[in-house]
């Protein structure tokens, strides 16, 4: 991996150009007919919260949004309405998440040295998480925020427990996941060539033998997956407004 990471020896971490790919092309099957990225969260749609987080982060130089084909026009309208001028393109995603990521990677600035990939349905990501993950990736080539698991984890077969898994070494990985640009492009391309559909971008990189550095995530950085998550997101917004979080 020395060749892939050689650029980090030539520049300081804060000098590296980082593009963000925001993936929001999912079908929201578990939302009961609600389109999660356009669902209202507080006074703004979920996706607008997400994009503002990256818009306001000095470490991010541009944003590529990957959306479902039927939402491309609406997402573009929202970007204009809310003055999200870091959004350079809104493009159509693919059938699976990895296809959408590959489409986004193909549109980033060719001069970008780092690429942050984020779920459009994680609207409450903090500036600290984005900044710290980008900074760590600038040093190691690959980084992702994570939180330790708190529930007891069981492995089961046919509806019955088989064993209790040691949770002390288990982490719930979040986004943004940030990588050296050449590394994530090569890893995603290789995964697709091999017929693999990794559920996150760290998985694609790990297939190449590259370890990903874990940074501090937050339980506030939740992913809107079910209607309950919208309720939890509203609670987080209220708590932030009241200075509780």
Protein backbone atom coordinates (compact mmCIF):
# COMPACT_ATOMS: atom_id res chain seq x y z
CA UNK A 1 0.00 0.00 0.00
CA UNK A 2 3.04 2.29 0.14
CA UNK A 3 2.46 3.56 -3.39
CA UNK A 4 -1.18 4.37 -2.70
CA UNK A 5 -0.30 6.34 0.41
CA UNK A 6 2.76 8.16 -0.87
CA UNK A 7 0.87 11.43 -1.28
CA UNK A 8 0.53 11.69 2.49
CA UNK A 9 4.29 12.11 2.75
CA UNK A 10 4.19 15.12 0.48
CA UNK A 11 1.41 17.15 2.08
CA UNK A 12 0.13 18.02 5.52
CA UNK A 13 -3.25 16.47 6.37
CA UNK A 14 -5.03 19.83 6.29
CA UNK A 15 -3.73 20.49 2.76
CA UNK A 16 -5.35 17.43 1.21
CA UNK A 17 -8.42 17.99 -0.96
CA UNK A 18 -11.39 15.88 0.16
CA UNK A 19 -14.52 15.25 -1.92
CA UNK A 20 -17.72 13.87 -0.39
CA UNK A 21 -19.98 11.33 -2.06
CA UNK A 22 -23.41 11.34 -0.40
CA UNK A 23 -25.33 8.18 -1.28
CA UNK A 24 -29.12 8.51 -1.15
CA UNK A 25 -30.36 6.13 -3.82
CA UNK A 26 -31.93 3.46 -1.62
CA UNK A 27 -35.52 2.26 -1.89
CA UNK A 28 -36.41 2.83 1.79
CA UNK A 29 -38.21 -0.52 2.01
CA UNK A 30 -38.52 -0.32 5.80
CA UNK A 31 -40.02 3.18 5.92
CA UNK A 32 -43.62 2.19 5.28
CA UNK A 33 -43.91 4.13 2.05
CA UNK A 34 -42.10 7.22 3.35
CA UNK A 35 -39.17 8.43 1.26
CA UNK A 36 -36.61 8.75 4.03
CA UNK A 37 -34.23 11.27 2.45
CA UNK A 38 -37.07 13.70 1.72
CA UNK A 39 -38.97 13.07 4.97
CA UNK A 40 -39.20 16.13 7.24
CA UNK A 41 -36.87 16.20 10.21
CA UNK A 42 -37.47 19.33 12.22
CA UNK A 43 -37.86 22.12 9.69
CA UNK A 44 -35.80 20.53 6.91
CA UNK A 45 -35.83 17.34 4.84
CA UNK A 46 -33.47 14.62 6.06
CA UNK A 47 -31.14 14.98 3.07
CA UNK A 48 -30.82 18.73 3.52
CA UNK A 49 -29.62 18.23 7.10
CA UNK A 50 -27.06 15.75 5.77
CA UNK A 51 -25.82 18.05 3.03
CA UNK A 52 -25.56 21.06 5.35
CA UNK A 53 -23.21 19.05 7.59
CA UNK A 54 -20.77 18.66 4.70
CA UNK A 55 -21.47 22.11 3.25
CA UNK A 56 -20.40 23.68 6.54
CA UNK A 57 -17.27 21.56 7.01
CA UNK A 58 -14.06 23.30 5.86
CA UNK A 59 -12.41 19.90 5.30
CA UNK A 60 -14.83 19.14 2.45
CA UNK A 61 -14.22 20.78 -0.93
CA UNK A 62 -17.13 19.44 -2.99
CA UNK A 63 -20.15 17.18 -2.72
CA UNK A 64 -21.49 14.65 -5.22
CA UNK A 65 -25.02 13.47 -4.44
CA UNK A 66 -26.13 10.07 -5.73
CA UNK A 67 -29.92 9.78 -5.84
CA UNK A 68 -32.63 7.54 -7.23
CA UNK A 69 -33.56 8.39 -10.79
CA UNK A 70 -37.02 9.57 -9.76
CA UNK A 71 -35.55 11.95 -7.16
CA UNK A 72 -32.72 13.56 -9.12
CA UNK A 73 -34.76 16.62 -10.17
CA UNK A 74 -36.19 17.13 -6.67
CA UNK A 75 -32.80 16.77 -4.99
CA UNK A 76 -31.31 19.27 -7.43
CA UNK A 77 -34.12 21.69 -6.62
CA UNK A 78 -33.47 21.33 -2.88
CA UNK A 79 -29.76 22.03 -3.38
CA UNK A 80 -30.59 25.26 -5.19
CA UNK A 81 -33.31 26.28 -2.75
CA UNK A 82 -31.05 25.84 0.28
CA UNK A 83 -27.95 27.34 -1.36
CA UNK A 84 -25.91 24.15 -1.10
CA UNK A 85 -23.22 25.44 -3.42
CA UNK A 86 -20.67 22.75 -2.58
CA UNK A 87 -22.93 20.25 -4.36
CA UNK A 88 -21.30 20.00 -7.77
CA UNK A 89 -23.48 17.26 -9.23
CA UNK A 90 -26.60 15.23 -8.51
CA UNK A 91 -26.39 11.92 -10.36
CA UNK A 92 -28.41 8.72 -10.73
CA UNK A 93 -27.44 5.79 -8.53
CA UNK A 94 -27.33 2.08 -9.26
CA UNK A 95 -29.19 -1.05 -8.26
CA UNK A 96 -27.09 -1.73 -5.15
CA UNK A 97 -25.28 0.65 -2.82
CA UNK A 98 -21.87 -0.30 -4.21
CA UNK A 99 -23.05 0.61 -7.72
CA UNK A 100 -24.16 4.02 -6.46
CA UNK A 101 -20.82 4.53 -4.73
CA UNK A 102 -18.96 3.63 -7.93
CA UNK A 103 -21.07 6.14 -9.87
CA UNK A 104 -20.25 8.85 -7.34
CA UNK A 105 -16.54 8.01 -7.35
CA UNK A 106 -16.52 8.50 -11.11
CA UNK A 107 -17.72 12.09 -10.73
CA UNK A 108 -15.43 13.46 -8.02
CA UNK A 109 -12.77 16.03 -8.78
CA UNK A 110 -9.81 14.15 -10.34
CA UNK A 111 -7.51 16.18 -8.07
CA UNK A 112 -9.23 14.97 -4.88
CA UNK A 113 -6.78 13.07 -2.72
CA UNK A 114 -9.36 11.89 -0.19
CA UNK A 115 -12.96 10.80 -0.67
CA UNK A 116 -15.55 10.71 2.11
CA UNK A 117 -18.54 8.44 1.48
CA UNK A 118 -21.62 9.13 3.59
CA UNK A 119 -25.16 7.82 3.87
CA UNK A 120 -27.68 10.45 2.84
CA UNK A 121 -29.93 9.09 5.59
CA UNK A 122 -27.47 10.02 8.38
CA UNK A 123 -28.57 13.64 8.85
CA UNK A 124 -27.21 14.23 12.36
CA UNK A 125 -23.51 13.64 11.71
CA UNK A 126 -21.46 16.24 13.57
CA UNK A 127 -18.73 18.51 12.30
CA UNK A 128 -16.38 16.86 14.76
CA UNK A 129 -16.98 13.39 13.32
CA UNK A 130 -16.45 14.57 9.74
CA UNK A 131 -13.34 16.55 10.61
CA UNK A 132 -11.75 13.85 12.76
CA UNK A 133 -12.41 11.06 10.27
CA UNK A 134 -10.97 13.07 7.39
CA UNK A 135 -7.91 13.94 9.47
CA UNK A 136 -7.34 10.33 10.44
CA UNK A 137 -7.73 9.10 6.86
CA UNK A 138 -5.17 11.69 5.81
CA UNK A 139 -2.70 9.95 8.10
CA UNK A 140 -3.60 6.29 7.55
CA UNK A 141 -5.35 6.11 4.16
CA UNK A 142 -8.65 4.76 5.50
CA UNK A 143 -10.82 5.73 8.48
CA UNK A 144 -14.39 5.37 9.68
CA UNK A 145 -16.32 6.43 12.80
CA UNK A 146 -17.64 3.66 15.03
CA UNK A 147 -19.30 3.08 18.37
CA UNK A 148 -18.87 0.02 20.62
CA UNK A 149 -21.79 -2.39 20.80
CA UNK A 150 -23.69 -2.27 24.09
CA UNK A 151 -26.16 -5.15 23.67
CA UNK A 152 -25.28 -8.77 24.29
CA UNK A 153 -24.73 -10.40 20.90
CA UNK A 154 -25.94 -13.90 20.15
CA UNK A 155 -25.20 -16.04 17.12
CA UNK A 156 -28.26 -18.03 16.16
CA UNK A 157 -29.33 -20.81 13.84
CA UNK A 158 -32.93 -21.66 12.96
CA UNK A 159 -34.31 -19.32 15.60
CA UNK A 160 -32.19 -20.66 18.46
CA UNK A 161 -29.05 -19.33 20.11
CA UNK A 162 -25.80 -21.09 19.32
CA UNK A 163 -23.32 -18.97 21.24
CA UNK A 164 -22.77 -15.62 22.90
CA UNK A 165 -20.31 -13.49 20.94
CA UNK A 166 -17.67 -11.47 22.79
CA UNK A 167 -18.79 -7.91 22.19
CA UNK A 168 -15.61 -6.30 23.54
CA UNK A 169 -14.08 -6.39 20.06
CA UNK A 170 -17.25 -5.54 18.12
CA UNK A 171 -18.06 -2.10 16.75
CA UNK A 172 -20.99 -0.57 14.89
CA UNK A 173 -19.40 1.32 12.00
CA UNK A 174 -20.99 4.54 10.76
CA UNK A 175 -20.28 7.04 8.00
CA UNK A 176 -18.57 9.10 6.67
CA UNK A 177 -15.99 6.52 5.71
CA UNK A 178 -12.96 8.33 4.30
CA UNK A 179 -10.26 6.90 2.05
CA UNK A 180 -7.31 7.80 -0.11
CA UNK A 181 -8.95 8.38 -3.51
CA UNK A 182 -7.01 5.79 -5.49
CA UNK A 183 -7.52 3.18 -2.80
CA UNK A 184 -11.33 3.37 -2.63
CA UNK A 185 -11.67 3.56 -6.42
CA UNK A 186 -9.51 0.45 -6.85
CA UNK A 187 -11.25 -1.39 -4.00
CA UNK A 188 -14.75 -0.69 -5.32
CA UNK A 189 -13.78 -1.67 -8.86
CA UNK A 190 -12.21 -4.93 -7.65
CA UNK A 191 -15.23 -5.85 -5.52
CA UNK A 192 -17.56 -5.43 -8.48
CA UNK A 193 -15.25 -7.36 -10.80
CA UNK A 194 -15.29 -10.20 -8.27
CA UNK A 195 -19.08 -10.13 -8.05
CA UNK A 196 -19.04 -8.94 -4.44
CA UNK A 197 -21.56 -6.48 -3.00
CA UNK A 198 -19.98 -5.12 0.20
CA UNK A 199 -22.49 -3.51 2.56
CA UNK A 200 -20.11 -0.70 3.38
CA UNK A 201 -17.01 0.82 1.81
CA UNK A 202 -14.67 -0.41 4.53
CA UNK A 203 -15.53 -3.94 3.42
CA UNK A 204 -14.31 -3.23 -0.10
CA UNK A 205 -11.01 -1.87 1.19
CA UNK A 206 -10.55 -4.71 3.68
CA UNK A 207 -10.76 -7.18 0.79
CA UNK A 208 -7.48 -5.69 -0.48
CA UNK A 209 -5.81 -6.39 2.86
CA UNK A 210 -6.02 -2.77 4.04
CA UNK A 211 -6.99 -2.08 7.63
CA UNK A 212 -9.36 0.79 8.41
CA UNK A 213 -8.68 3.04 11.39
CA UNK A 214 -11.69 3.48 13.66
CA UNK A 215 -12.44 6.97 14.96
CA UNK A 216 -14.97 8.05 17.57
CA UNK A 217 -18.52 7.87 16.28
CA UNK A 218 -21.66 8.94 18.10
CA UNK A 219 -25.02 7.38 18.85
CA UNK A 220 -26.50 10.67 17.62
CA UNK A 221 -25.16 9.81 14.17
CA UNK A 222 -28.08 7.48 13.58
CA UNK A 223 -29.24 6.22 10.21
CA UNK A 224 -32.87 6.88 9.30
CA UNK A 225 -34.07 3.39 8.42
CA UNK A 226 -37.51 3.07 10.02
CA UNK A 227 -40.23 5.58 11.07
CA UNK A 228 -39.00 5.20 14.66
CA UNK A 229 -35.64 6.65 13.62
CA UNK A 230 -37.38 9.87 12.55
CA UNK A 231 -38.84 10.16 16.05
CA UNK A 232 -35.39 9.59 17.57
CA UNK A 233 -33.89 12.13 15.17
CA UNK A 234 -36.45 14.73 16.23
CA UNK A 235 -35.51 14.08 19.86
CA UNK A 236 -31.82 14.58 19.07
CA UNK A 237 -32.57 17.88 17.32
CA UNK A 238 -34.61 19.12 20.29
CA UNK A 239 -31.91 18.09 22.74
CA UNK A 240 -29.29 19.92 20.70
CA UNK A 241 -31.46 23.04 20.55
CA UNK A 242 -31.89 22.91 24.33
CA UNK A 243 -28.16 22.40 24.89
CA UNK A 244 -28.63 18.93 26.35
CA UNK A 245 -26.51 17.30 23.61
